[in-house]
Amino acid sequence: AGCLALDFFCFRPSSTTERNQLDMDNQSLLLKDGATGLSLLAVQAIPLTKVVAGLSLGLFAGTTLAVSQISYPSNVEEYKRNPKRGLRAWADSFRRAAPMQVGLLLVGGASSLLLSALLYRRAQNDVFDTSAHSSWKLFLAAGIIGTASMPLTLGYMKPRINDKLLEYQQESEREGLNNDGFAAQQPEVANLINHWGEMHAVRTVTAVVGFGIFLLGAVGFRPTLQWK
């Protein structure tokens, strides 16, 4: 909702004259060479792409922050009271959150990069407002930083932490596993849960920073970096 409001108040032309001028600029692009001009369809896709990217990155940052501050500490406390139930609680919350977070991450990253590319083309044509010359850089940075947790998750956390914890959880639920067997695994399980929390904190930071950079671009902040 916040991104929708930003899009409405910060990026829509403020007067009928400005809207008419924008329409004329859009139409003029159709007369340009197809290799250098931005199509009218692409121009019209910019606001929608901005909303999709903002909502996805914002929701992803919010869910990762909620896991760090609410879900994960609760699971740790449950593990201290009852290791089996604590491990089950972590596994259940992981299975619920993982598909949604993956979807938000993919959509947010792809739409941010697409938005950056569209605005870069818009800046190259030099027929729109000058904000496109700087905002594409912020949206590019938001897409890269906001999705930086993907290689961390797939390359490190999944094989070294997530898969092992899920395997231990399945073993603890398997019929015939006695309490002594699970007790022998508890130190390693506790270390893995603590390490998962540390790595998820890194993911939370990248998600929040990425969304923050996106908001800077949405409100029209202009960085001083001059990228060619």
Protein backbone atom coordinates (compact mmCIF):
# COMPACT_ATOMS: atom_id res chain seq x y z
CA ALA A 1 0.00 0.00 0.00
CA GLY A 2 2.87 2.37 0.79
CA CYS A 3 4.46 1.75 -2.59
CA LEU A 4 1.14 2.33 -4.32
CA ALA A 5 0.80 5.65 -2.52
CA LEU A 6 4.35 6.64 -3.46
CA ASP A 7 3.67 5.80 -7.07
CA PHE A 8 0.46 7.84 -7.06
CA PHE A 9 1.80 10.96 -5.38
CA CYS A 10 5.43 11.02 -6.52
CA PHE A 11 5.37 9.76 -10.09
CA ARG A 12 2.06 10.69 -11.63
CA PRO A 13 2.03 14.02 -13.49
CA SER A 14 0.57 16.70 -11.24
CA SER A 15 -1.47 18.52 -13.87
CA THR A 16 -3.43 17.93 -17.05
CA THR A 17 -0.81 19.85 -19.02
CA GLU A 18 1.97 17.61 -17.73
CA ARG A 19 -0.06 14.48 -18.49
CA ASN A 20 -0.71 15.69 -22.03
CA GLN A 21 2.96 16.48 -22.50
CA LEU A 22 3.90 13.02 -21.22
CA ASP A 23 1.47 11.43 -23.67
CA MET A 24 3.01 13.44 -26.51
CA ASP A 25 6.49 12.31 -25.44
CA ASN A 26 5.32 8.70 -25.34
CA GLN A 27 3.80 8.95 -28.80
CA SER A 28 6.93 10.58 -30.18
CA LEU A 29 8.93 7.53 -29.22
CA LEU A 30 6.97 5.50 -31.75
CA LEU A 31 8.52 7.61 -34.51
CA LYS A 32 12.04 6.79 -33.40
CA ASP A 33 14.19 4.00 -34.77
CA GLY A 34 13.17 0.75 -33.03
CA ALA A 35 16.75 0.06 -31.97
CA THR A 36 17.01 3.29 -29.97
CA GLY A 37 13.46 4.30 -29.11
CA LEU A 38 11.45 3.05 -26.14
CA SER A 39 8.12 1.54 -27.19
CA LEU A 40 4.90 2.93 -25.81
CA LEU A 41 4.15 -0.44 -24.21
CA ALA A 42 7.45 -0.33 -22.32
CA VAL A 43 6.77 3.23 -21.16
CA GLN A 44 3.37 2.24 -19.85
CA ALA A 45 4.89 -0.78 -18.09
CA ILE A 46 7.14 1.36 -15.88
CA PRO A 47 4.54 2.31 -13.21
CA LEU A 48 3.21 -1.23 -12.95
CA THR A 49 6.71 -2.69 -12.75
CA LYS A 50 7.55 -0.18 -10.03
CA VAL A 51 4.54 -1.20 -7.94
CA VAL A 52 5.25 -4.93 -8.35
CA ALA A 53 8.92 -4.48 -7.42
CA GLY A 54 8.12 -2.30 -4.41
CA LEU A 55 5.47 -4.62 -3.03
CA SER A 56 7.62 -7.72 -3.52
CA LEU A 57 10.78 -6.27 -2.00
CA GLY A 58 8.80 -4.70 0.84
CA LEU A 59 6.97 -7.90 1.70
CA PHE A 60 10.18 -9.91 1.50
CA ALA A 61 11.96 -7.48 3.83
CA GLY A 62 9.00 -7.55 6.21
CA THR A 63 8.77 -11.33 6.36
CA THR A 64 12.51 -11.79 6.91
CA LEU A 65 12.43 -9.18 9.67
CA ALA A 66 9.43 -10.88 11.29
CA VAL A 67 11.22 -14.23 11.26
CA SER A 68 14.32 -12.70 12.84
CA GLN A 69 12.45 -10.83 15.56
CA ILE A 70 9.48 -13.11 16.30
CA SER A 71 9.51 -16.60 14.81
CA TYR A 72 13.17 -17.56 15.27
CA PRO A 73 13.52 -16.40 18.92
CA SER A 74 10.32 -18.27 19.74
CA ASN A 75 11.68 -21.45 18.17
CA VAL A 76 14.94 -21.12 20.10
CA GLU A 77 13.12 -20.76 23.40
CA GLU A 78 10.97 -23.78 22.57
CA TYR A 79 14.09 -25.78 21.74
CA LYS A 80 15.58 -24.94 25.13
CA ARG A 81 12.46 -26.23 26.87
CA ASN A 82 11.92 -29.28 24.67
CA PRO A 83 14.47 -29.97 21.89
CA LYS A 84 12.20 -32.22 19.85
CA ARG A 85 9.30 -29.78 19.85
CA GLY A 86 11.65 -26.85 19.24
CA LEU A 87 13.17 -28.53 16.20
CA ARG A 88 9.70 -29.39 14.92
CA ALA A 89 8.60 -25.77 15.39
CA TRP A 90 11.61 -24.53 13.39
CA ALA A 91 10.96 -27.03 10.60
CA ASP A 92 7.25 -26.15 10.42
CA SER A 93 7.92 -22.40 10.24
CA PHE A 94 10.67 -23.00 7.67
CA ARG A 95 8.37 -25.02 5.41
CA ARG A 96 5.63 -22.39 5.65
CA ALA A 97 7.83 -19.39 4.98
CA ALA A 98 10.26 -20.75 2.38
CA PRO A 99 7.91 -20.93 -0.68
CA MET A 100 6.50 -17.44 -0.09
CA GLN A 101 9.92 -15.88 0.46
CA VAL A 102 11.37 -17.53 -2.62
CA GLY A 103 8.49 -16.21 -4.73
CA LEU A 104 8.80 -12.68 -3.35
CA LEU A 105 12.55 -12.73 -3.84
CA LEU A 106 12.34 -13.85 -7.46
CA VAL A 107 9.54 -11.43 -8.39
CA GLY A 108 11.10 -8.52 -6.52
CA GLY A 109 14.55 -9.02 -7.97
CA ALA A 110 13.37 -9.56 -11.54
CA SER A 111 10.95 -6.63 -11.51
CA SER A 112 13.57 -4.30 -9.97
CA LEU A 113 16.09 -5.17 -12.65
CA LEU A 114 13.46 -4.79 -15.36
CA LEU A 115 12.44 -1.42 -13.94
CA SER A 116 16.06 -0.29 -13.92
CA ALA A 117 16.48 -1.34 -17.55
CA LEU A 118 13.31 0.46 -18.64
CA LEU A 119 14.31 3.65 -16.85
CA TYR A 120 17.80 3.46 -18.30
CA ARG A 121 16.34 3.28 -21.80
CA ARG A 122 14.03 6.14 -20.89
CA ALA A 123 17.01 8.22 -19.76
CA GLN A 124 18.91 7.41 -22.95
CA ASN A 125 16.06 8.81 -25.04
CA ASP A 126 16.25 12.04 -23.00
CA VAL A 127 12.65 13.06 -23.62
CA PHE A 128 11.32 12.46 -20.11
CA ASP A 129 11.94 14.10 -16.76
CA THR A 130 15.52 14.02 -15.54
CA SER A 131 14.71 11.74 -12.59
CA ALA A 132 15.12 8.72 -14.88
CA HIS A 133 18.82 9.55 -15.24
CA SER A 134 19.47 8.75 -11.58
CA SER A 135 16.57 6.59 -10.40
CA TRP A 136 17.53 3.62 -12.59
CA LYS A 137 20.78 3.34 -10.61
CA LEU A 138 18.93 3.11 -7.30
CA PHE A 139 16.49 0.50 -8.58
CA LEU A 140 19.39 -1.52 -9.98
CA ALA A 141 21.16 -1.40 -6.61
CA ALA A 142 17.91 -2.31 -4.84
CA GLY A 143 17.42 -5.35 -7.05
CA ILE A 144 20.99 -6.59 -6.57
CA ILE A 145 21.24 -5.97 -2.82
CA GLY A 146 17.67 -7.05 -2.08
CA THR A 147 18.23 -10.43 -3.74
CA ALA A 148 21.78 -10.96 -2.43
CA SER A 149 20.41 -13.52 0.02
CA MET A 150 19.64 -15.95 -2.81
CA PRO A 151 23.25 -17.12 -3.43
CA LEU A 152 23.83 -17.17 0.33
CA THR A 153 20.79 -19.38 0.82
CA LEU A 154 21.32 -21.74 -2.10
CA GLY A 155 25.10 -21.93 -1.95
CA TYR A 156 25.68 -22.07 1.81
CA MET A 157 22.61 -22.29 4.04
CA LYS A 158 20.70 -24.97 2.14
CA PRO A 159 23.41 -27.66 1.96
CA ARG A 160 25.19 -26.84 5.22
CA ILE A 161 22.33 -25.89 7.56
CA ASN A 162 18.77 -26.25 6.22
CA ASP A 163 19.06 -29.75 4.80
CA LYS A 164 20.80 -31.05 7.92
CA LEU A 165 18.22 -29.57 10.28
CA LEU A 166 15.36 -30.98 8.23
CA GLU A 167 17.06 -34.37 8.21
CA TYR A 168 17.48 -34.29 11.98
CA GLN A 169 13.84 -33.27 12.38
CA GLN A 170 12.66 -36.18 10.24
CA GLU A 171 14.85 -38.58 12.20
CA SER A 172 13.52 -37.28 15.50
CA GLU A 173 9.96 -37.96 14.32
CA ARG A 174 10.75 -41.36 12.88
CA GLU A 175 9.25 -44.23 14.78
CA GLY A 176 11.76 -46.22 16.76
CA LEU A 177 14.25 -43.44 17.46
CA ASN A 178 14.83 -43.51 21.22
CA ASN A 179 15.47 -40.48 23.39
CA ASP A 180 19.11 -41.39 23.91
CA GLY A 181 19.72 -41.29 20.15
CA PHE A 182 18.26 -37.83 19.78
CA ALA A 183 20.06 -36.61 22.90
CA ALA A 184 23.37 -37.46 21.26
CA GLN A 185 22.48 -35.21 18.33
CA GLN A 186 21.34 -32.23 20.39
CA PRO A 187 24.67 -30.32 20.57
CA GLU A 188 25.05 -30.35 16.78
CA VAL A 189 21.38 -29.46 16.27
CA ALA A 190 21.71 -26.54 18.69
CA ASN A 191 24.80 -25.28 16.85
CA LEU A 192 23.02 -25.52 13.51
CA ILE A 193 19.99 -23.62 14.80
CA ASN A 194 22.22 -20.87 16.19
CA HIS A 195 24.18 -20.68 12.93
CA TRP A 196 20.92 -20.51 10.96
CA GLY A 197 19.90 -17.51 13.04
CA GLU A 198 23.19 -15.74 12.29
CA MET A 199 22.91 -16.34 8.56
CA HIS A 200 19.27 -15.28 8.50
CA ALA A 201 20.27 -12.03 10.19
CA VAL A 202 22.53 -11.36 7.19
CA ARG A 203 19.62 -12.05 4.85
CA THR A 204 17.44 -9.68 6.86
CA VAL A 205 20.00 -6.87 6.58
CA THR A 206 20.32 -7.25 2.79
CA ALA A 207 16.54 -7.38 2.36
CA VAL A 208 15.90 -4.27 4.49
CA VAL A 209 18.76 -2.32 2.90
CA GLY A 210 17.58 -3.27 -0.59
CA PHE A 211 14.04 -2.13 0.15
CA GLY A 212 15.36 1.08 1.70
CA ILE A 213 17.30 1.87 -1.48
CA PHE A 214 14.18 1.15 -3.51
CA LEU A 215 12.23 3.68 -1.43
CA LEU A 216 14.93 6.29 -2.06
CA GLY A 217 14.42 5.79 -5.78
CA ALA A 218 10.65 5.89 -5.36
CA VAL A 219 10.68 9.28 -3.62
CA GLY A 220 13.02 10.79 -6.21
CA PHE A 221 16.35 10.78 -4.36
CA ARG A 222 19.20 11.50 -6.76
CA PRO A 223 22.58 9.89 -6.00
CA THR A 224 25.73 11.85 -6.77
CA LEU A 225 27.47 8.87 -8.38
CA GLN A 226 27.96 9.37 -12.10
CA TRP A 227 27.66 5.99 -13.75
CA LYS A 228 28.32 5.77 -17.44
